[in-house]
Amino acid sequence: MKHRERQGELKKKLIDRMERINGQTRGILKMIEEDRYCIDILIQIGAVKGALNKVAMQLFEDHSQHCLADSMASGGEEQEKAVEELLTALKRML
């Protein structure tokens, strides 16, 4: 499948969100180092997982609307590869 550059606004949103997630994970590390209450750490881990799921969904939507749509329009082998690639990615996410 052909690679496509992400649009400016989406790319900025993804980068901003990943930077926040990076800060959250550093915070979790600090909480562990400081022997903070387990439940508080677990809550933060849940927040990071939720944030990562949002990033994944944004990428999934972008891929579906652009890359997958282009491949489906091409038909044939390109279409089959695109569907298989999408299914493989979804299995890894779940």
N, C-alpha and C. Protein backbone atom coordinates (compact mmCIF):
# COMPACT_ATOMS: atom_id res chain seq x y z
N MET A 1 0.82 -1.18 0.00
CA MET A 1 0.00 0.00 0.00
C MET A 1 0.86 1.24 0.00
N LYS A 2 0.36 2.25 -0.59
CA LYS A 2 1.07 3.51 -0.73
C LYS A 2 0.94 4.34 0.55
N HIS A 3 2.05 4.94 0.98
CA HIS A 3 2.07 5.78 2.18
C HIS A 3 1.64 7.19 1.82
N ARG A 4 0.92 7.82 2.73
CA ARG A 4 0.44 9.19 2.53
C ARG A 4 0.80 10.01 3.75
N GLU A 5 1.24 11.24 3.52
CA GLU A 5 1.54 12.12 4.65
C GLU A 5 0.23 12.58 5.29
N ARG A 6 0.26 12.66 6.62
CA ARG A 6 -0.93 13.13 7.33
C ARG A 6 -1.10 14.62 7.13
N GLN A 7 -2.34 15.06 7.15
CA GLN A 7 -2.65 16.48 7.01
C GLN A 7 -2.16 17.24 8.23
N GLY A 8 -1.79 18.50 8.08
CA GLY A 8 -1.20 19.32 9.13
C GLY A 8 -1.95 19.32 10.44
N GLU A 9 -3.24 19.55 10.41
CA GLU A 9 -4.03 19.65 11.64
C GLU A 9 -4.07 18.32 12.39
N LEU A 10 -4.31 17.23 11.69
CA LEU A 10 -4.34 15.92 12.33
C LEU A 10 -2.96 15.58 12.91
N LYS A 11 -1.93 15.84 12.14
CA LYS A 11 -0.58 15.54 12.61
C LYS A 11 -0.28 16.30 13.89
N LYS A 12 -0.65 17.58 13.94
CA LYS A 12 -0.42 18.39 15.13
C LYS A 12 -1.20 17.84 16.31
N LYS A 13 -2.46 17.47 16.10
CA LYS A 13 -3.26 16.90 17.18
C LYS A 13 -2.65 15.61 17.72
N LEU A 14 -2.20 14.75 16.82
CA LEU A 14 -1.59 13.48 17.24
C LEU A 14 -0.30 13.71 18.02
N ILE A 15 0.52 14.63 17.55
CA ILE A 15 1.77 14.92 18.24
C ILE A 15 1.48 15.51 19.62
N ASP A 16 0.56 16.45 19.69
CA ASP A 16 0.20 17.06 20.99
C ASP A 16 -0.31 16.01 21.96
N ARG A 17 -1.17 15.14 21.48
CA ARG A 17 -1.74 14.10 22.35
C ARG A 17 -0.66 13.13 22.82
N MET A 18 0.25 12.76 21.93
CA MET A 18 1.33 11.85 22.32
C MET A 18 2.29 12.51 23.31
N GLU A 19 2.51 13.80 23.18
CA GLU A 19 3.35 14.50 24.15
C GLU A 19 2.69 14.49 25.53
N ARG A 20 1.37 14.67 25.58
CA ARG A 20 0.66 14.60 26.87
C ARG A 20 0.75 13.20 27.45
N ILE A 21 0.60 12.19 26.60
CA ILE A 21 0.70 10.80 27.07
C ILE A 21 2.11 10.53 27.60
N ASN A 22 3.10 11.04 26.92
CA ASN A 22 4.47 10.88 27.37
C ASN A 22 4.63 11.49 28.77
N GLY A 23 4.06 12.65 28.99
CA GLY A 23 4.10 13.27 30.31
C GLY A 23 3.39 12.43 31.36
N GLN A 24 2.25 11.85 30.96
CA GLN A 24 1.51 10.99 31.89
C GLN A 24 2.33 9.76 32.27
N THR A 25 3.00 9.16 31.31
CA THR A 25 3.78 7.95 31.62
C THR A 25 4.98 8.29 32.51
N ARG A 26 5.58 9.46 32.29
CA ARG A 26 6.66 9.89 33.19
C ARG A 26 6.10 10.10 34.60
N GLY A 27 4.88 10.61 34.69
CA GLY A 27 4.24 10.79 35.98
C GLY A 27 3.99 9.46 36.69
N ILE A 28 3.59 8.46 35.92
CA ILE A 28 3.38 7.12 36.49
C ILE A 28 4.69 6.56 37.02
N LEU A 29 5.75 6.72 36.26
CA LEU A 29 7.06 6.25 36.71
C LEU A 29 7.43 6.92 38.04
N LYS A 30 7.21 8.20 38.12
CA LYS A 30 7.53 8.94 39.35
C LYS A 30 6.68 8.43 40.51
N MET A 31 5.40 8.16 40.24
CA MET A 31 4.51 7.63 41.28
C MET A 31 5.03 6.30 41.81
N ILE A 32 5.50 5.45 40.92
CA ILE A 32 6.03 4.14 41.32
C ILE A 32 7.30 4.35 42.15
N GLU A 33 8.17 5.23 41.66
CA GLU A 33 9.41 5.51 42.39
C GLU A 33 9.13 6.04 43.81
N GLU A 34 8.05 6.80 43.95
CA GLU A 34 7.70 7.40 45.24
C GLU A 34 6.81 6.49 46.09
N ASP A 35 6.60 5.26 45.62
CA ASP A 35 5.75 4.30 46.33
C ASP A 35 4.36 4.84 46.62
N ARG A 36 3.77 5.47 45.62
CA ARG A 36 2.42 6.03 45.77
C ARG A 36 1.40 4.90 45.85
N TYR A 37 0.22 5.23 46.29
CA TYR A 37 -0.88 4.28 46.48
C TYR A 37 -1.20 3.58 45.15
N CYS A 38 -1.30 2.27 45.21
CA CYS A 38 -1.50 1.44 44.00
C CYS A 38 -2.72 1.89 43.18
N ILE A 39 -3.81 2.17 43.85
CA ILE A 39 -5.04 2.54 43.14
C ILE A 39 -4.83 3.84 42.35
N ASP A 40 -4.11 4.79 42.93
CA ASP A 40 -3.82 6.04 42.22
C ASP A 40 -3.01 5.77 40.96
N ILE A 41 -2.05 4.87 41.06
CA ILE A 41 -1.23 4.51 39.89
C ILE A 41 -2.08 3.81 38.84
N LEU A 42 -2.94 2.90 39.29
CA LEU A 42 -3.81 2.18 38.34
C LEU A 42 -4.76 3.14 37.62
N ILE A 43 -5.24 4.14 38.33
CA ILE A 43 -6.12 5.14 37.69
C ILE A 43 -5.36 5.88 36.59
N GLN A 44 -4.12 6.23 36.87
CA GLN A 44 -3.31 6.92 35.86
C GLN A 44 -2.99 6.02 34.68
N ILE A 45 -2.75 4.75 34.94
CA ILE A 45 -2.52 3.80 33.84
C ILE A 45 -3.76 3.70 32.97
N GLY A 46 -4.92 3.66 33.59
CA GLY A 46 -6.18 3.63 32.83
C GLY A 46 -6.34 4.88 31.96
N ALA A 47 -5.94 6.03 32.50
CA ALA A 47 -6.03 7.27 31.74
C ALA A 47 -5.11 7.22 30.51
N VAL A 48 -3.91 6.68 30.69
CA VAL A 48 -2.97 6.56 29.56
C VAL A 48 -3.53 5.60 28.51
N LYS A 49 -4.08 4.49 28.96
CA LYS A 49 -4.66 3.54 28.00
C LYS A 49 -5.79 4.19 27.21
N GLY A 50 -6.63 4.96 27.89
CA GLY A 50 -7.71 5.65 27.22
C GLY A 50 -7.19 6.66 26.21
N ALA A 51 -6.16 7.40 26.58
CA ALA A 51 -5.57 8.38 25.68
C ALA A 51 -4.95 7.71 24.45
N LEU A 52 -4.27 6.59 24.66
CA LEU A 52 -3.70 5.85 23.53
C LEU A 52 -4.79 5.31 22.61
N ASN A 53 -5.89 4.87 23.19
CA ASN A 53 -7.01 4.40 22.37
C ASN A 53 -7.57 5.52 21.51
N LYS A 54 -7.59 6.75 22.04
CA LYS A 54 -8.07 7.88 21.24
C LYS A 54 -7.13 8.17 20.07
N VAL A 55 -5.83 8.08 20.31
CA VAL A 55 -4.85 8.26 19.23
C VAL A 55 -5.06 7.19 18.18
N ALA A 56 -5.22 5.95 18.62
CA ALA A 56 -5.43 4.84 17.69
C ALA A 56 -6.69 5.06 16.86
N MET A 57 -7.76 5.52 17.50
CA MET A 57 -9.01 5.74 16.77
C MET A 57 -8.87 6.87 15.76
N GLN A 58 -8.15 7.93 16.11
CA GLN A 58 -7.94 9.00 15.15
C GLN A 58 -7.16 8.50 13.94
N LEU A 59 -6.13 7.70 14.19
CA LEU A 59 -5.36 7.14 13.08
C LEU A 59 -6.20 6.18 12.25
N PHE A 60 -7.01 5.37 12.92
CA PHE A 60 -7.88 4.43 12.23
C PHE A 60 -8.86 5.17 11.33
N GLU A 61 -9.46 6.23 11.85
CA GLU A 61 -10.41 7.02 11.06
C GLU A 61 -9.73 7.66 9.86
N ASP A 62 -8.55 8.24 10.09
CA ASP A 62 -7.82 8.88 8.99
C ASP A 62 -7.46 7.85 7.92
N HIS A 63 -6.98 6.70 8.38
CA HIS A 63 -6.61 5.65 7.44
C HIS A 63 -7.83 5.18 6.63
N SER A 64 -8.94 4.99 7.31
CA SER A 64 -10.15 4.51 6.64
C SER A 64 -10.67 5.52 5.62
N GLN A 65 -10.64 6.78 5.99
CA GLN A 65 -11.19 7.82 5.11
C GLN A 65 -10.30 8.12 3.92
N HIS A 66 -9.02 7.88 4.04
CA HIS A 66 -8.12 8.24 2.95
C HIS A 66 -7.45 7.03 2.31
N CYS A 67 -6.56 6.39 3.05
CA CYS A 67 -5.78 5.29 2.47
C CYS A 67 -6.67 4.12 2.05
N LEU A 68 -7.54 3.69 2.95
CA LEU A 68 -8.41 2.56 2.65
C LEU A 68 -9.37 2.90 1.53
N ALA A 69 -9.94 4.09 1.58
CA ALA A 69 -10.87 4.51 0.53
C ALA A 69 -10.21 4.50 -0.84
N ASP A 70 -8.97 4.99 -0.91
CA ASP A 70 -8.23 4.99 -2.18
C ASP A 70 -7.99 3.56 -2.68
N SER A 71 -7.59 2.68 -1.76
CA SER A 71 -7.32 1.29 -2.14
C SER A 71 -8.59 0.57 -2.59
N MET A 72 -9.70 0.86 -1.92
CA MET A 72 -10.97 0.22 -2.29
C MET A 72 -11.40 0.68 -3.68
N ALA A 73 -11.14 1.93 -4.00
CA ALA A 73 -11.50 2.44 -5.32
C ALA A 73 -10.65 1.79 -6.41
N SER A 74 -9.41 1.41 -6.06
CA SER A 74 -8.53 0.77 -7.03
C SER A 74 -9.00 -0.63 -7.39
N GLY A 75 -9.60 -1.31 -6.38
CA GLY A 75 -10.10 -2.65 -6.61
C GLY A 75 -8.99 -3.68 -6.71
N GLY A 76 -9.37 -4.90 -7.04
CA GLY A 76 -8.43 -5.98 -7.28
C GLY A 76 -7.53 -6.30 -6.10
N GLU A 77 -6.28 -6.61 -6.42
CA GLU A 77 -5.31 -7.03 -5.42
C GLU A 77 -5.03 -5.94 -4.40
N GLU A 78 -5.00 -4.70 -4.83
CA GLU A 78 -4.77 -3.56 -3.93
C GLU A 78 -5.86 -3.50 -2.86
N GLN A 79 -7.08 -3.75 -3.26
CA GLN A 79 -8.21 -3.75 -2.34
C GLN A 79 -8.07 -4.88 -1.31
N GLU A 80 -7.72 -6.05 -1.76
CA GLU A 80 -7.55 -7.19 -0.87
C GLU A 80 -6.43 -6.95 0.14
N LYS A 81 -5.31 -6.39 -0.32
CA LYS A 81 -4.20 -6.09 0.57
C LYS A 81 -4.60 -5.08 1.63
N ALA A 82 -5.36 -4.08 1.22
CA ALA A 82 -5.77 -3.03 2.15
C ALA A 82 -6.68 -3.58 3.24
N VAL A 83 -7.60 -4.44 2.88
CA VAL A 83 -8.50 -5.04 3.86
C VAL A 83 -7.73 -5.94 4.82
N GLU A 84 -6.83 -6.75 4.29
CA GLU A 84 -6.02 -7.63 5.13
C GLU A 84 -5.14 -6.83 6.09
N GLU A 85 -4.55 -5.77 5.60
CA GLU A 85 -3.71 -4.91 6.44
C GLU A 85 -4.53 -4.29 7.57
N LEU A 86 -5.72 -3.83 7.25
CA LEU A 86 -6.60 -3.23 8.26
C LEU A 86 -7.00 -4.25 9.31
N LEU A 87 -7.36 -5.44 8.89
CA LEU A 87 -7.75 -6.49 9.84
C LEU A 87 -6.60 -6.88 10.75
N THR A 88 -5.40 -6.97 10.20
CA THR A 88 -4.21 -7.29 11.01
C THR A 88 -3.98 -6.21 12.05
N ALA A 89 -4.09 -4.95 11.65
CA ALA A 89 -3.90 -3.85 12.60
C ALA A 89 -4.96 -3.88 13.71
N LEU A 90 -6.21 -4.16 13.35
CA LEU A 90 -7.28 -4.21 14.35
C LEU A 90 -7.05 -5.35 15.35
N LYS A 91 -6.61 -6.49 14.86
CA LYS A 91 -6.33 -7.63 15.75
C LYS A 91 -5.25 -7.27 16.74
N ARG A 92 -4.25 -6.54 16.31
CA ARG A 92 -3.16 -6.15 17.21
C ARG A 92 -3.63 -5.12 18.24
N MET A 93 -4.55 -4.27 17.85
CA MET A 93 -5.07 -3.24 18.76
C MET A 93 -5.95 -3.85 19.84
N LEU A 94 -6.67 -4.89 19.50
CA LEU A 94 -7.63 -5.45 20.45
C LEU A 94 -7.05 -6.46 21.35
